[in-house]
Amino acid sequence: MAIPVAKLLISAMAVFLLLSASFAATEVPSMLVHKKASLNRLKSGAEHVLVSIDIYNQGSSTAYDVTLTDSSWDKDAFEIVSGNTSRSWERLDAGGILSHSFELEAKVKGLVYGAPAVVTFRIPTKTLVQEAYSTPILHLDIFAERPPTNRFDLAKRLVAKYGSLVSVMLFVVLFINLIATPSKSNAAKASSKKKR
């Protein structure tokens, strides 16, 4: 008698744990924040840093009062050219994407390591503000000596990226042409049969 009751209690607890875990997982936004930075040297000699941050809500519920703050750019080393380093949105729906970008002008030479940007958001079921951090950027070598670019770099990249696709498509077209075009011997046989 005690064994069936124990099995019943164990199975009831297992069902309860599975249900509570599934309800907990389905009602929470999950933020994925990706930060990218690239350098752009102008003809005037100035170097601009283009920063873009993408926020993805991979959870199944909406996040409210979404705020992005990127305070990793020192005001002594960078000047804001366009945009802001912080931005707020009212909400980010489940499966939604938000993007923000800004441009900075570098004032000093050297390596720069960018810290992750911080995204704060609110969930209606919780009183605490939630935080998510972006991916850190790779180091940027500001005002570094760069070798001159080759004119054929674009062609090399295109061949490396699409060369195999072009060769496969060429083989397919040649095969179809070979099958669809009658051979000379078949054409000669057909014309000799028509004469008879």
Protein backbone atom coordinates (compact mmCIF):
# COMPACT_ATOMS: atom_id res chain seq x y z
CA MET A 1 0.00 0.00 0.00
CA ALA A 2 2.85 2.39 0.82
CA ILE A 3 4.61 1.77 -2.53
CA PRO A 4 1.68 2.87 -4.78
CA VAL A 5 1.20 6.03 -2.66
CA ALA A 6 4.92 6.86 -2.99
CA LYS A 7 4.77 6.33 -6.76
CA LEU A 8 1.71 8.58 -6.94
CA LEU A 9 3.44 11.35 -4.94
CA ILE A 10 6.61 11.12 -7.05
CA SER A 11 4.67 11.27 -10.32
CA ALA A 12 2.56 14.20 -9.04
CA MET A 13 5.73 16.12 -8.05
CA ALA A 14 7.30 15.41 -11.45
CA VAL A 15 4.22 16.74 -13.26
CA PHE A 16 4.15 19.82 -11.00
CA LEU A 17 7.85 20.57 -11.67
CA LEU A 18 7.46 20.15 -15.42
CA LEU A 19 4.41 22.42 -15.54
CA SER A 20 5.96 25.11 -13.37
CA ALA A 21 9.17 25.06 -15.45
CA SER A 22 7.23 25.36 -18.69
CA PHE A 23 5.13 28.26 -17.38
CA ALA A 24 8.22 30.04 -16.08
CA ALA A 25 10.06 29.65 -19.38
CA THR A 26 7.21 30.84 -21.57
CA GLU A 27 6.45 34.12 -19.83
CA VAL A 28 9.87 35.78 -19.87
CA PRO A 29 11.44 37.94 -22.57
CA SER A 30 14.94 36.85 -23.52
CA MET A 31 17.15 39.62 -24.87
CA LEU A 32 20.03 39.08 -27.25
CA VAL A 33 22.03 42.27 -27.86
CA HIS A 34 24.64 42.48 -30.62
CA LYS A 35 27.04 45.43 -30.83
CA LYS A 36 29.16 46.12 -33.93
CA ALA A 37 31.73 48.84 -34.58
CA SER A 38 33.67 49.69 -37.72
CA LEU A 39 36.25 52.30 -38.63
CA ASN A 40 35.93 54.72 -41.51
CA ARG A 41 38.89 56.95 -42.41
CA LEU A 42 37.87 60.10 -44.23
CA LYS A 43 39.94 61.87 -46.89
CA SER A 44 40.45 64.75 -44.47
CA GLY A 45 42.41 62.40 -42.20
CA ALA A 46 39.72 62.09 -39.52
CA GLU A 47 38.66 58.65 -38.41
CA HIS A 48 35.02 57.89 -37.62
CA VAL A 49 33.72 54.95 -35.62
CA LEU A 50 30.34 53.64 -36.78
CA VAL A 51 28.55 51.79 -33.95
CA SER A 52 25.35 49.79 -34.44
CA ILE A 53 23.47 47.86 -31.77
CA ASP A 54 20.71 45.34 -32.50
CA ILE A 55 18.36 44.12 -29.76
CA TYR A 56 16.45 40.87 -30.34
CA ASN A 57 13.63 39.68 -28.06
CA GLN A 58 13.83 35.90 -28.36
CA GLY A 59 11.42 35.28 -25.51
CA SER A 60 7.70 34.73 -25.77
CA SER A 61 6.47 37.86 -23.99
CA THR A 62 6.79 41.60 -24.48
CA ALA A 63 9.46 43.67 -22.75
CA TYR A 64 8.47 47.19 -21.67
CA ASP A 65 10.46 50.39 -21.05
CA VAL A 66 13.47 49.16 -23.02
CA THR A 67 16.50 51.43 -22.55
CA LEU A 68 19.86 51.10 -24.27
CA THR A 69 22.94 52.75 -22.75
CA ASP A 70 26.41 52.54 -24.26
CA SER A 71 28.72 54.52 -21.98
CA SER A 72 31.94 52.83 -23.06
CA TRP A 73 33.06 55.75 -25.25
CA ASP A 74 35.33 58.19 -23.38
CA LYS A 75 34.40 61.82 -24.03
CA ASP A 76 38.10 62.80 -24.10
CA ALA A 77 38.84 60.28 -26.87
CA PHE A 78 35.62 60.47 -28.94
CA GLU A 79 33.19 63.13 -30.06
CA ILE A 80 29.64 62.30 -31.12
CA VAL A 81 29.08 63.18 -34.78
CA SER A 82 25.55 61.86 -35.20
CA GLY A 83 23.07 60.02 -33.01
CA ASN A 84 23.19 59.35 -29.27
CA THR A 85 24.86 56.71 -27.14
CA SER A 86 21.56 55.99 -25.38
CA ARG A 87 18.02 55.41 -26.57
CA SER A 88 14.65 54.35 -25.11
CA TRP A 89 11.69 52.50 -26.54
CA GLU A 90 8.26 51.91 -25.05
CA ARG A 91 8.15 48.18 -25.80
CA LEU A 92 9.75 45.30 -27.66
CA ASP A 93 7.34 42.57 -28.68
CA ALA A 94 8.22 38.88 -28.60
CA GLY A 95 10.28 38.04 -31.67
CA GLY A 96 10.87 41.74 -32.37
CA ILE A 97 14.05 43.57 -33.28
CA LEU A 98 15.20 47.08 -32.38
CA SER A 99 18.23 48.77 -33.92
CA HIS A 100 20.20 51.83 -32.97
CA SER A 101 23.31 53.37 -34.48
CA PHE A 102 25.53 56.37 -33.91
CA GLU A 103 28.76 57.80 -35.25
CA LEU A 104 31.78 59.02 -33.32
CA GLU A 105 34.89 60.88 -34.36
CA ALA A 106 38.14 59.65 -32.82
CA LYS A 107 40.44 62.23 -31.23
CA VAL A 108 43.32 60.02 -30.07
CA LYS A 109 45.46 57.30 -31.63
CA GLY A 110 45.73 53.79 -30.21
CA LEU A 111 43.86 50.60 -29.42
CA VAL A 112 40.31 50.92 -28.10
CA TYR A 113 38.48 48.11 -26.36
CA GLY A 114 34.73 48.69 -26.17
CA ALA A 115 32.76 47.49 -23.18
CA PRO A 116 29.34 45.87 -23.68
CA ALA A 117 26.29 48.10 -23.95
CA VAL A 118 23.61 47.72 -21.28
CA VAL A 119 19.93 47.15 -22.05
CA THR A 120 17.40 47.49 -19.24
CA PHE A 121 13.79 46.43 -19.55
CA ARG A 122 10.76 45.75 -17.43
CA ILE A 123 8.59 42.64 -17.24
CA PRO A 124 5.00 43.20 -16.02
CA THR A 125 5.10 40.17 -13.73
CA LYS A 126 8.28 41.28 -11.91
CA THR A 127 8.99 44.46 -9.98
CA LEU A 128 12.75 44.50 -10.58
CA VAL A 129 14.24 46.01 -13.73
CA GLN A 130 15.97 43.34 -15.83
CA GLU A 131 19.37 43.86 -17.49
CA ALA A 132 20.99 42.41 -20.58
CA TYR A 133 24.49 43.04 -21.90
CA SER A 134 25.61 43.23 -25.50
CA THR A 135 28.47 41.39 -27.08
CA PRO A 136 31.73 43.29 -26.64
CA ILE A 137 33.38 44.67 -29.75
CA LEU A 138 36.77 43.60 -30.99
CA HIS A 139 39.58 46.06 -30.41
CA LEU A 140 39.76 48.99 -32.79
CA ASP A 141 43.14 50.32 -33.89
CA ILE A 142 42.46 54.02 -34.32
CA PHE A 143 44.70 55.96 -36.75
CA ALA A 144 46.72 52.83 -37.45
CA GLU A 145 48.89 52.63 -40.52
CA ARG A 146 47.03 50.53 -43.05
CA PRO A 147 48.51 49.16 -46.26
CA PRO A 148 46.97 50.59 -49.42
CA THR A 149 44.01 48.58 -50.67
CA ASN A 150 44.35 46.61 -53.87
CA ARG A 151 41.98 47.36 -56.74
CA PHE A 152 41.27 43.67 -57.19
CA ASP A 153 40.18 43.04 -53.60
CA LEU A 154 36.50 43.23 -54.55
CA ALA A 155 36.96 40.76 -57.41
CA LYS A 156 38.86 38.37 -55.14
CA ARG A 157 36.12 38.51 -52.52
CA LEU A 158 33.39 37.93 -55.13
CA VAL A 159 35.23 34.96 -56.63
CA ALA A 160 35.86 33.51 -53.16
CA LYS A 161 32.23 33.98 -52.16
CA TYR A 162 30.38 33.04 -55.36
CA GLY A 163 32.95 31.09 -57.40
CA SER A 164 31.71 27.65 -56.44
CA LEU A 165 28.08 28.64 -57.07
CA VAL A 166 28.93 29.97 -60.53
CA SER A 167 30.86 26.82 -61.45
CA VAL A 168 27.98 24.54 -60.37
CA MET A 169 25.46 26.64 -62.29
CA LEU A 170 27.73 26.52 -65.36
CA PHE A 171 27.92 22.70 -65.17
CA VAL A 172 24.12 22.46 -64.87
CA VAL A 173 23.56 24.74 -67.88
CA LEU A 174 26.09 22.83 -69.97
CA PHE A 175 24.49 19.49 -68.99
CA ILE A 176 21.01 20.74 -69.93
CA ASN A 177 22.37 22.08 -73.20
CA LEU A 178 24.03 18.73 -73.91
CA ILE A 179 20.79 16.81 -73.23
CA ALA A 180 18.46 19.24 -75.02
CA THR A 181 20.54 19.68 -78.19
CA PRO A 182 20.33 16.76 -80.62
CA SER A 183 23.64 15.28 -81.73
CA LYS A 184 24.76 15.31 -85.38
CA SER A 185 24.54 11.52 -85.72
CA ASN A 186 20.93 11.48 -84.44
CA ALA A 187 20.04 14.30 -86.84
CA ALA A 188 21.61 12.40 -89.76
CA LYS A 189 19.69 9.22 -88.86
CA ALA A 190 16.43 11.16 -88.64
CA SER A 191 16.95 12.78 -92.06
CA SER A 192 17.82 9.42 -93.66
CA LYS A 193 14.63 7.86 -92.26
CA LYS A 194 12.55 10.70 -93.69
CA LYS A 195 14.02 10.10 -97.18
CA ARG A 196 12.94 6.45 -97.22
